[in-house]
Amino acid sequence: MNKKLDLLWLRIREYFKHPAEDIRQANPIVPGHLYSSFGYICKAIPLSEREKLFIKQTENIGALPFELVRDMKHTDDIVKQISELNQMPGIPHTDLPSRCNFCDFYRSGIPCPFFNVLQDGTTVCDTHKYIILKNQRS
């Protein structure tokens, strides 16, 4: 479903007293389900093939600093933006894995969930990324 349908579905659920589950208490994480995290509505979606390929190529480099990723434009071609930043000389990298560059939690400065596993026991971030759909406070 797209963003507007997801938010409409959430509003209908909230009307009938079924708010979004807190992602910090959800165990396991179900991809595509709407969760609440620090006032944001979010969900886990699968990584695209380009993102998977980029992560595989840069797994030993590490994530870009939070300050650089935070200021990036939210476009469809985020892989291109991150690869351009990686090619610039003198750009420091963190100890976090490179897949964190694609996560909206990292880009917004929100901590990762406590329980970050799928039903089969694998880590969510290996095959999925978190996206933020809306800030509940605004």
Protein backbone atom coordinates (compact mmCIF):
# COMPACT_ATOMS: atom_id res chain seq x y z
CA MET A 1 0.00 0.00 0.00
CA ASN A 2 1.13 3.53 -0.51
CA LYS A 3 1.69 6.13 2.17
CA LYS A 4 -1.74 7.78 2.04
CA LEU A 5 -3.60 4.46 2.20
CA ASP A 6 -1.44 3.33 5.13
CA LEU A 7 -2.21 6.51 7.05
CA LEU A 8 -5.92 6.28 6.21
CA TRP A 9 -5.98 2.68 7.44
CA LEU A 10 -4.23 3.75 10.65
CA ARG A 11 -6.76 6.53 11.22
CA ILE A 12 -9.63 4.04 10.81
CA ARG A 13 -7.98 1.64 13.27
CA GLU A 14 -7.43 4.46 15.78
CA TYR A 15 -11.09 5.44 15.49
CA PHE A 16 -12.02 1.93 16.67
CA LYS A 17 -9.49 2.14 19.55
CA HIS A 18 -6.71 0.08 17.90
CA PRO A 19 -3.68 2.42 17.77
CA ALA A 20 -0.41 1.53 16.12
CA GLU A 21 1.76 -0.79 18.22
CA ASP A 22 4.93 0.65 19.74
CA ILE A 23 7.87 -0.68 17.72
CA ARG A 24 10.05 -0.78 20.82
CA GLN A 25 7.75 -3.47 22.26
CA ALA A 26 6.96 -5.40 19.07
CA ASN A 27 8.56 -8.82 18.93
CA PRO A 28 8.79 -9.94 16.13
CA ILE A 29 8.62 -7.06 13.63
CA VAL A 30 6.13 -7.70 10.84
CA PRO A 31 7.14 -5.99 7.57
CA GLY A 32 4.44 -3.66 6.26
CA HIS A 33 2.68 -3.25 9.62
CA LEU A 34 2.40 0.26 10.98
CA TYR A 35 4.22 0.99 14.21
CA SER A 36 4.65 3.98 16.48
CA SER A 37 8.13 5.08 17.50
CA PHE A 38 8.82 8.24 19.51
CA GLY A 39 5.83 10.03 17.97
CA TYR A 40 6.44 8.82 14.41
CA ILE A 41 4.44 6.34 12.33
CA CYS A 42 6.81 3.91 10.63
CA LYS A 43 7.01 0.53 8.95
CA ALA A 44 9.61 -1.88 7.62
CA ILE A 45 9.79 -2.33 3.85
CA PRO A 46 12.07 -4.56 1.77
CA LEU A 47 15.31 -3.13 0.42
CA SER A 48 15.41 -2.59 -3.33
CA GLU A 49 17.85 -4.57 -5.46
CA ARG A 50 20.05 -1.47 -5.94
CA GLU A 51 20.19 -0.93 -2.19
CA LYS A 52 21.08 -4.58 -1.55
CA LEU A 53 23.84 -4.41 -4.15
CA PHE A 54 25.20 -1.16 -2.68
CA ILE A 55 25.20 -2.63 0.85
CA LYS A 56 27.03 -5.72 -0.38
CA GLN A 57 29.67 -3.58 -2.12
CA THR A 58 30.21 -1.26 0.87
CA GLU A 59 29.79 -3.64 3.81
CA ASN A 60 33.33 -2.99 5.07
CA ILE A 61 33.15 0.83 4.76
CA GLY A 62 30.52 1.67 7.37
CA ALA A 63 27.73 4.23 7.50
CA LEU A 64 28.19 7.91 6.81
CA PRO A 65 28.03 10.27 9.79
CA PHE A 66 24.52 11.13 10.96
CA GLU A 67 25.00 14.82 10.17
CA LEU A 68 25.66 14.12 6.47
CA VAL A 69 22.80 11.67 5.99
CA ARG A 70 20.33 13.86 7.89
CA ASP A 71 20.81 16.74 5.46
CA MET A 72 20.35 14.63 2.31
CA LYS A 73 17.27 15.16 0.17
CA HIS A 74 14.59 12.48 0.40
CA THR A 75 14.52 11.34 -3.21
CA ASP A 76 14.06 8.03 -4.96
CA ASP A 77 17.74 7.85 -5.92
CA ILE A 78 19.28 7.75 -2.46
CA VAL A 79 21.81 5.13 -3.59
CA LYS A 80 23.32 7.65 -6.00
CA GLN A 81 23.53 10.34 -3.31
CA ILE A 82 25.22 8.04 -0.80
CA SER A 83 27.68 6.64 -3.37
CA GLU A 84 28.66 10.21 -4.36
CA LEU A 85 29.33 11.04 -0.71
CA ASN A 86 31.36 7.84 -0.27
CA GLN A 87 33.59 8.78 -3.21
CA MET A 88 34.50 12.17 -1.74
CA PRO A 89 37.95 12.11 -0.14
CA GLY A 90 38.18 12.80 3.57
CA ILE A 91 34.60 11.84 4.45
CA PRO A 92 34.67 9.97 7.78
CA HIS A 93 32.63 6.83 8.37
CA THR A 94 31.09 5.44 11.54
CA ASP A 95 31.32 1.96 13.03
CA LEU A 96 27.70 1.29 12.07
CA PRO A 97 26.99 -0.94 9.05
CA SER A 98 26.45 0.78 5.69
CA ARG A 99 22.81 -0.37 5.59
CA CYS A 100 22.03 2.25 8.26
CA ASN A 101 22.37 4.93 5.56
CA PHE A 102 18.99 3.83 4.14
CA CYS A 103 17.11 3.71 7.45
CA ASP A 104 14.87 6.67 8.27
CA PHE A 105 15.49 6.04 11.97
CA TYR A 106 19.21 6.72 11.51
CA ARG A 107 18.52 9.69 9.25
CA SER A 108 16.15 11.20 11.83
CA GLY A 109 18.29 10.41 14.89
CA ILE A 110 15.80 7.93 16.38
CA PRO A 111 17.19 4.87 18.22
CA CYS A 112 16.75 1.43 16.71
CA PRO A 113 14.03 -0.85 18.15
CA PHE A 114 14.94 -3.12 21.06
CA PHE A 115 13.59 -6.18 19.26
CA ASN A 116 14.74 -6.01 15.66
CA VAL A 117 13.96 -9.53 14.43
CA LEU A 118 11.55 -11.04 11.93
CA GLN A 119 9.35 -14.07 12.55
CA ASP A 120 12.05 -16.42 11.20
CA GLY A 121 14.65 -15.03 13.64
CA THR A 122 16.69 -13.00 11.16
CA THR A 123 17.51 -9.35 11.72
CA VAL A 124 15.09 -6.94 10.06
CA CYS A 125 17.87 -4.67 8.81
CA ASP A 126 19.48 -7.46 6.76
CA THR A 127 16.64 -7.45 4.23
CA HIS A 128 14.44 -4.46 5.13
CA LYS A 129 14.69 -0.79 5.99
CA TYR A 130 12.52 1.36 8.21
CA ILE A 131 10.67 4.28 6.70
CA ILE A 132 8.86 7.04 8.57
CA LEU A 133 5.44 7.84 7.17
CA LYS A 134 4.34 10.64 9.46
CA ASN A 135 5.11 12.57 12.62
CA GLN A 136 2.10 12.04 14.91
CA ARG A 137 2.66 15.32 16.69
CA SER A 138 2.12 17.46 13.61
